[in-house]
N, C-alpha and C. Protein backbone atom coordinates (compact mmCIF):
# COMPACT_ATOMS: atom_id res chain seq x y z
N MET A 1 -13.13 10.58 10.50
CA MET A 1 -12.64 9.85 9.35
C MET A 1 -11.36 10.53 8.85
N THR A 2 -10.40 9.73 8.52
CA THR A 2 -9.13 10.22 8.01
C THR A 2 -9.27 10.63 6.55
N ASP A 3 -8.65 11.73 6.17
CA ASP A 3 -8.59 12.14 4.77
C ASP A 3 -7.36 11.48 4.16
N TRP A 4 -7.55 10.31 3.57
CA TRP A 4 -6.43 9.51 3.08
C TRP A 4 -5.75 10.16 1.88
N LEU A 5 -6.46 10.97 1.13
CA LEU A 5 -5.82 11.66 0.01
C LEU A 5 -4.82 12.69 0.53
N ALA A 6 -5.16 13.37 1.62
CA ALA A 6 -4.22 14.32 2.22
C ALA A 6 -3.05 13.58 2.86
N VAL A 7 -3.33 12.46 3.50
CA VAL A 7 -2.25 11.65 4.09
C VAL A 7 -1.31 11.17 3.00
N GLU A 8 -1.87 10.75 1.87
CA GLU A 8 -1.05 10.29 0.74
C GLU A 8 -0.12 11.41 0.28
N LYS A 9 -0.64 12.61 0.13
CA LYS A 9 0.19 13.74 -0.31
C LYS A 9 1.35 13.98 0.65
N GLU A 10 1.09 13.89 1.95
CA GLU A 10 2.15 14.08 2.94
C GLU A 10 3.22 13.01 2.81
N TYR A 11 2.80 11.74 2.68
CA TYR A 11 3.77 10.65 2.56
C TYR A 11 4.56 10.75 1.27
N VAL A 12 3.91 11.13 0.18
CA VAL A 12 4.60 11.27 -1.10
C VAL A 12 5.68 12.35 -1.00
N GLU A 13 5.33 13.48 -0.39
CA GLU A 13 6.32 14.56 -0.25
C GLU A 13 7.48 14.13 0.63
N ARG A 14 7.21 13.46 1.73
CA ARG A 14 8.28 12.98 2.60
C ARG A 14 9.18 11.99 1.85
N ALA A 15 8.56 11.10 1.11
CA ALA A 15 9.33 10.10 0.36
C ALA A 15 10.20 10.77 -0.70
N ARG A 16 9.67 11.77 -1.38
CA ARG A 16 10.46 12.50 -2.38
C ARG A 16 11.70 13.11 -1.75
N ARG A 17 11.53 13.75 -0.60
CA ARG A 17 12.68 14.36 0.07
C ARG A 17 13.70 13.31 0.47
N LEU A 18 13.23 12.21 1.02
CA LEU A 18 14.14 11.15 1.43
C LEU A 18 14.89 10.57 0.24
N HIS A 19 14.18 10.31 -0.84
CA HIS A 19 14.84 9.75 -2.03
C HIS A 19 15.81 10.75 -2.65
N ARG A 20 15.46 12.03 -2.61
CA ARG A 20 16.35 13.06 -3.14
C ARG A 20 17.63 13.16 -2.32
N ASP A 21 17.51 13.11 -1.01
CA ASP A 21 18.65 13.35 -0.12
C ASP A 21 19.32 12.08 0.40
N GLY A 22 18.72 10.92 0.15
CA GLY A 22 19.17 9.68 0.78
C GLY A 22 20.31 8.96 0.13
N GLY A 23 20.77 9.45 -1.01
CA GLY A 23 21.95 8.86 -1.63
C GLY A 23 21.76 7.45 -2.14
N ALA A 24 22.88 6.73 -2.15
CA ALA A 24 22.93 5.39 -2.73
C ALA A 24 21.96 4.40 -2.08
N PRO A 25 21.81 4.39 -0.76
CA PRO A 25 20.86 3.43 -0.18
C PRO A 25 19.43 3.62 -0.69
N MET A 26 19.01 4.86 -0.83
CA MET A 26 17.65 5.10 -1.31
C MET A 26 17.52 4.79 -2.79
N GLU A 27 18.58 5.02 -3.55
CA GLU A 27 18.55 4.64 -4.97
C GLU A 27 18.47 3.12 -5.10
N ALA A 28 19.19 2.41 -4.26
CA ALA A 28 19.12 0.95 -4.27
C ALA A 28 17.71 0.47 -3.90
N PHE A 29 17.11 1.11 -2.93
CA PHE A 29 15.74 0.76 -2.55
C PHE A 29 14.79 1.01 -3.71
N ARG A 30 14.94 2.15 -4.37
CA ARG A 30 14.09 2.49 -5.52
C ARG A 30 14.23 1.43 -6.62
N GLN A 31 15.45 0.96 -6.85
CA GLN A 31 15.67 -0.09 -7.86
C GLN A 31 15.00 -1.40 -7.44
N LEU A 32 15.06 -1.71 -6.15
CA LEU A 32 14.39 -2.90 -5.64
C LEU A 32 12.88 -2.81 -5.87
N VAL A 33 12.32 -1.66 -5.57
CA VAL A 33 10.88 -1.46 -5.77
C VAL A 33 10.52 -1.65 -7.24
N ARG A 34 11.32 -1.08 -8.13
CA ARG A 34 11.06 -1.22 -9.57
C ARG A 34 11.16 -2.69 -10.00
N ALA A 35 12.16 -3.38 -9.49
CA ALA A 35 12.38 -4.78 -9.89
C ALA A 35 11.25 -5.68 -9.43
N THR A 36 10.72 -5.44 -8.26
CA THR A 36 9.64 -6.29 -7.76
C THR A 36 8.28 -5.85 -8.28
N GLY A 37 8.18 -4.63 -8.78
CA GLY A 37 6.91 -4.09 -9.22
C GLY A 37 6.58 -4.38 -10.66
N THR A 38 6.86 -5.58 -11.10
CA THR A 38 6.57 -5.99 -12.48
C THR A 38 5.88 -7.34 -12.45
N ASP A 39 5.28 -7.69 -13.57
CA ASP A 39 4.70 -9.02 -13.69
C ASP A 39 5.82 -10.04 -13.85
N GLY A 40 5.66 -11.15 -13.20
CA GLY A 40 6.57 -12.28 -13.32
C GLY A 40 5.72 -13.53 -13.17
N ALA A 41 6.21 -14.49 -12.43
CA ALA A 41 5.39 -15.67 -12.14
C ALA A 41 4.13 -15.25 -11.38
N ILE A 42 4.25 -14.15 -10.62
CA ILE A 42 3.12 -13.55 -9.91
C ILE A 42 2.90 -12.17 -10.53
N SER A 43 1.65 -11.84 -10.77
CA SER A 43 1.35 -10.54 -11.37
C SER A 43 1.68 -9.40 -10.40
N HIS A 44 1.91 -8.23 -10.96
CA HIS A 44 2.18 -7.05 -10.15
C HIS A 44 1.03 -6.81 -9.17
N LYS A 45 -0.20 -6.99 -9.62
CA LYS A 45 -1.35 -6.77 -8.73
C LYS A 45 -1.32 -7.73 -7.54
N VAL A 46 -1.02 -8.99 -7.78
CA VAL A 46 -0.95 -9.95 -6.68
C VAL A 46 0.18 -9.58 -5.73
N LYS A 47 1.31 -9.14 -6.27
CA LYS A 47 2.41 -8.69 -5.42
C LYS A 47 1.99 -7.53 -4.55
N GLU A 48 1.20 -6.60 -5.10
CA GLU A 48 0.73 -5.47 -4.31
C GLU A 48 -0.28 -5.90 -3.25
N LEU A 49 -1.11 -6.89 -3.54
CA LEU A 49 -2.02 -7.43 -2.52
C LEU A 49 -1.22 -8.06 -1.38
N ILE A 50 -0.17 -8.77 -1.72
CA ILE A 50 0.71 -9.34 -0.69
C ILE A 50 1.34 -8.22 0.13
N ALA A 51 1.85 -7.20 -0.56
CA ALA A 51 2.49 -6.08 0.13
C ALA A 51 1.50 -5.36 1.04
N LEU A 52 0.26 -5.21 0.60
CA LEU A 52 -0.75 -4.59 1.45
C LEU A 52 -0.98 -5.42 2.71
N GLY A 53 -1.04 -6.74 2.55
CA GLY A 53 -1.20 -7.60 3.71
C GLY A 53 -0.05 -7.47 4.69
N ILE A 54 1.15 -7.37 4.19
CA ILE A 54 2.33 -7.19 5.05
C ILE A 54 2.27 -5.82 5.72
N ALA A 55 1.88 -4.80 4.96
CA ALA A 55 1.76 -3.45 5.53
C ALA A 55 0.76 -3.42 6.68
N ILE A 56 -0.34 -4.13 6.51
CA ILE A 56 -1.36 -4.21 7.56
C ILE A 56 -0.80 -4.93 8.78
N CYS A 57 -0.12 -6.06 8.56
CA CYS A 57 0.41 -6.83 9.69
C CYS A 57 1.52 -6.11 10.44
N THR A 58 2.27 -5.27 9.73
CA THR A 58 3.35 -4.53 10.40
C THR A 58 2.90 -3.17 10.90
N CYS A 59 1.61 -2.87 10.70
CA CYS A 59 1.02 -1.61 11.18
C CYS A 59 1.76 -0.40 10.63
N CYS A 60 2.06 -0.44 9.33
CA CYS A 60 2.78 0.65 8.66
C CYS A 60 1.79 1.47 7.85
N GLU A 61 1.38 2.60 8.38
CA GLU A 61 0.39 3.45 7.72
C GLU A 61 0.86 3.92 6.34
N GLY A 62 2.10 4.36 6.26
CA GLY A 62 2.62 4.81 4.97
C GLY A 62 2.62 3.70 3.94
N CYS A 63 2.98 2.50 4.36
CA CYS A 63 2.97 1.35 3.45
C CYS A 63 1.55 1.03 3.00
N VAL A 64 0.59 1.13 3.91
CA VAL A 64 -0.81 0.93 3.55
C VAL A 64 -1.20 1.92 2.45
N VAL A 65 -0.84 3.18 2.63
CA VAL A 65 -1.18 4.21 1.65
C VAL A 65 -0.54 3.91 0.30
N PHE A 66 0.75 3.65 0.27
CA PHE A 66 1.45 3.45 -1.00
C PHE A 66 0.95 2.20 -1.74
N HIS A 67 0.73 1.10 -1.01
CA HIS A 67 0.29 -0.13 -1.67
C HIS A 67 -1.18 -0.07 -2.05
N THR A 68 -1.98 0.63 -1.28
CA THR A 68 -3.38 0.83 -1.67
C THR A 68 -3.45 1.67 -2.94
N ARG A 69 -2.66 2.73 -3.00
CA ARG A 69 -2.62 3.57 -4.20
C ARG A 69 -2.24 2.71 -5.41
N ALA A 70 -1.23 1.87 -5.26
CA ALA A 70 -0.81 1.00 -6.37
C ALA A 70 -1.95 0.06 -6.78
N LEU A 71 -2.65 -0.48 -5.81
CA LEU A 71 -3.75 -1.40 -6.12
C LEU A 71 -4.88 -0.70 -6.86
N VAL A 72 -5.18 0.52 -6.47
CA VAL A 72 -6.22 1.28 -7.18
C VAL A 72 -5.78 1.49 -8.62
N ARG A 73 -4.53 1.89 -8.81
CA ARG A 73 -4.01 2.10 -10.17
C ARG A 73 -4.02 0.82 -11.01
N LEU A 74 -3.81 -0.31 -10.35
CA LEU A 74 -3.78 -1.60 -11.05
C LEU A 74 -5.16 -2.20 -11.24
N GLY A 75 -6.19 -1.51 -10.76
CA GLY A 75 -7.56 -1.98 -10.97
C GLY A 75 -8.03 -3.05 -10.02
N ALA A 76 -7.42 -3.16 -8.86
CA ALA A 76 -7.86 -4.15 -7.87
C ALA A 76 -9.28 -3.83 -7.43
N THR A 77 -10.07 -4.86 -7.30
CA THR A 77 -11.45 -4.67 -6.86
C THR A 77 -11.51 -4.59 -5.33
N ARG A 78 -12.61 -4.06 -4.85
CA ARG A 78 -12.82 -3.99 -3.40
C ARG A 78 -12.81 -5.39 -2.80
N GLU A 79 -13.36 -6.35 -3.52
CA GLU A 79 -13.40 -7.73 -3.04
C GLU A 79 -11.99 -8.31 -2.91
N GLU A 80 -11.12 -8.01 -3.87
CA GLU A 80 -9.73 -8.48 -3.78
C GLU A 80 -9.03 -7.86 -2.58
N VAL A 81 -9.23 -6.57 -2.38
CA VAL A 81 -8.62 -5.89 -1.24
C VAL A 81 -9.16 -6.47 0.06
N LEU A 82 -10.47 -6.71 0.12
CA LEU A 82 -11.06 -7.30 1.34
C LEU A 82 -10.48 -8.68 1.63
N GLU A 83 -10.25 -9.48 0.60
CA GLU A 83 -9.66 -10.80 0.84
C GLU A 83 -8.23 -10.68 1.35
N ALA A 84 -7.47 -9.76 0.79
CA ALA A 84 -6.10 -9.53 1.28
C ALA A 84 -6.14 -9.07 2.74
N ILE A 85 -7.07 -8.19 3.06
CA ILE A 85 -7.22 -7.74 4.45
C ILE A 85 -7.57 -8.92 5.34
N GLY A 86 -8.44 -9.79 4.88
CA GLY A 86 -8.81 -10.97 5.66
C GLY A 86 -7.62 -11.85 5.99
N VAL A 87 -6.76 -12.07 5.01
CA VAL A 87 -5.55 -12.88 5.24
C VAL A 87 -4.64 -12.17 6.23
N ALA A 88 -4.52 -10.86 6.09
CA ALA A 88 -3.68 -10.09 7.02
C ALA A 88 -4.21 -10.19 8.44
N VAL A 89 -5.50 -10.12 8.60
CA VAL A 89 -6.09 -10.23 9.94
C VAL A 89 -5.89 -11.64 10.50
N GLU A 90 -6.01 -12.65 9.64
CA GLU A 90 -5.73 -14.02 10.07
C GLU A 90 -4.32 -14.12 10.66
N MET A 91 -3.37 -13.48 10.00
CA MET A 91 -1.97 -13.58 10.41
C MET A 91 -1.60 -12.59 11.51
N GLY A 92 -2.27 -11.44 11.55
CA GLY A 92 -1.86 -10.38 12.46
C GLY A 92 -2.80 -10.08 13.60
N GLY A 93 -3.95 -10.72 13.64
CA GLY A 93 -4.88 -10.54 14.75
C GLY A 93 -5.47 -9.15 14.89
N GLY A 94 -5.69 -8.76 16.14
CA GLY A 94 -6.34 -7.49 16.45
C GLY A 94 -5.69 -6.27 15.83
N PRO A 95 -4.36 -6.09 16.00
CA PRO A 95 -3.74 -4.92 15.39
C PRO A 95 -3.93 -4.87 13.87
N ALA A 96 -3.89 -6.02 13.23
CA ALA A 96 -4.10 -6.06 11.78
C ALA A 96 -5.53 -5.69 11.43
N SER A 97 -6.48 -6.01 12.31
CA SER A 97 -7.87 -5.62 12.02
C SER A 97 -8.02 -4.11 12.05
N VAL A 98 -7.28 -3.44 12.93
CA VAL A 98 -7.31 -1.97 12.99
C VAL A 98 -6.73 -1.40 11.71
N TYR A 99 -5.58 -1.90 11.29
CA TYR A 99 -4.95 -1.39 10.07
C TYR A 99 -5.67 -1.86 8.82
N GLY A 100 -6.32 -3.00 8.90
CA GLY A 100 -7.15 -3.45 7.77
C GLY A 100 -8.31 -2.50 7.54
N ALA A 101 -8.92 -2.03 8.62
CA ALA A 101 -10.01 -1.05 8.49
C ALA A 101 -9.49 0.24 7.88
N LYS A 102 -8.28 0.65 8.29
CA LYS A 102 -7.67 1.85 7.69
C LYS A 102 -7.44 1.63 6.19
N ALA A 103 -6.93 0.46 5.84
CA ALA A 103 -6.66 0.16 4.43
C ALA A 103 -7.94 0.20 3.60
N LEU A 104 -9.01 -0.35 4.13
CA LEU A 104 -10.27 -0.36 3.39
C LEU A 104 -10.81 1.06 3.22
N GLU A 105 -10.75 1.86 4.27
CA GLU A 105 -11.19 3.24 4.18
C GLU A 105 -10.33 4.01 3.16
N CYS A 106 -9.03 3.77 3.18
CA CYS A 106 -8.12 4.39 2.23
C CYS A 106 -8.49 3.98 0.81
N TYR A 107 -8.70 2.70 0.58
CA TYR A 107 -9.08 2.21 -0.74
C TYR A 107 -10.37 2.87 -1.21
N ASP A 108 -11.37 2.87 -0.37
CA ASP A 108 -12.66 3.46 -0.76
C ASP A 108 -12.52 4.93 -1.15
N GLN A 109 -11.74 5.69 -0.38
CA GLN A 109 -11.55 7.10 -0.70
C GLN A 109 -10.79 7.29 -2.00
N MET A 110 -9.76 6.49 -2.22
CA MET A 110 -8.96 6.61 -3.44
C MET A 110 -9.78 6.23 -4.68
N VAL A 111 -10.60 5.20 -4.57
CA VAL A 111 -11.46 4.82 -5.69
C VAL A 111 -12.49 5.91 -5.97
N ALA A 112 -13.09 6.44 -4.92
CA ALA A 112 -14.08 7.51 -5.10
C ALA A 112 -13.45 8.75 -5.75
N ALA A 113 -12.22 9.05 -5.40
CA ALA A 113 -11.54 10.22 -5.96
C ALA A 113 -11.23 10.04 -7.44
N ARG A 114 -11.06 8.80 -7.87
CA ARG A 114 -10.79 8.53 -9.29
C ARG A 114 -12.04 8.70 -10.13
N GLY A 115 -13.21 8.64 -9.46
CA GLY A 115 -14.47 8.82 -10.19
C GLY A 115 -14.89 7.59 -10.85
């Protein structure tokens, strides 16, 4: 079993270094993340569920970690995450099912760590 909390720490540290050293492109990316990470016609939580589905379909482990963390912070239920995973598997097939399982394990560990 993967220790997703340790994986999260590694990704956070790597992202910090990249954002610190990445100059204007990384600042622009950070602004994009802030702009999309708010409630609008679609709630921030729904946007994060969409992002998790895309992360699963693109097999991006770091994206799975970051969007799962956001969903836990936003109070997403396990059922909501499972439905997002289901849509991702519908669209991404077998590889998405592998990353969907990773996402669910990550979610479960992050929720358990919050107590």
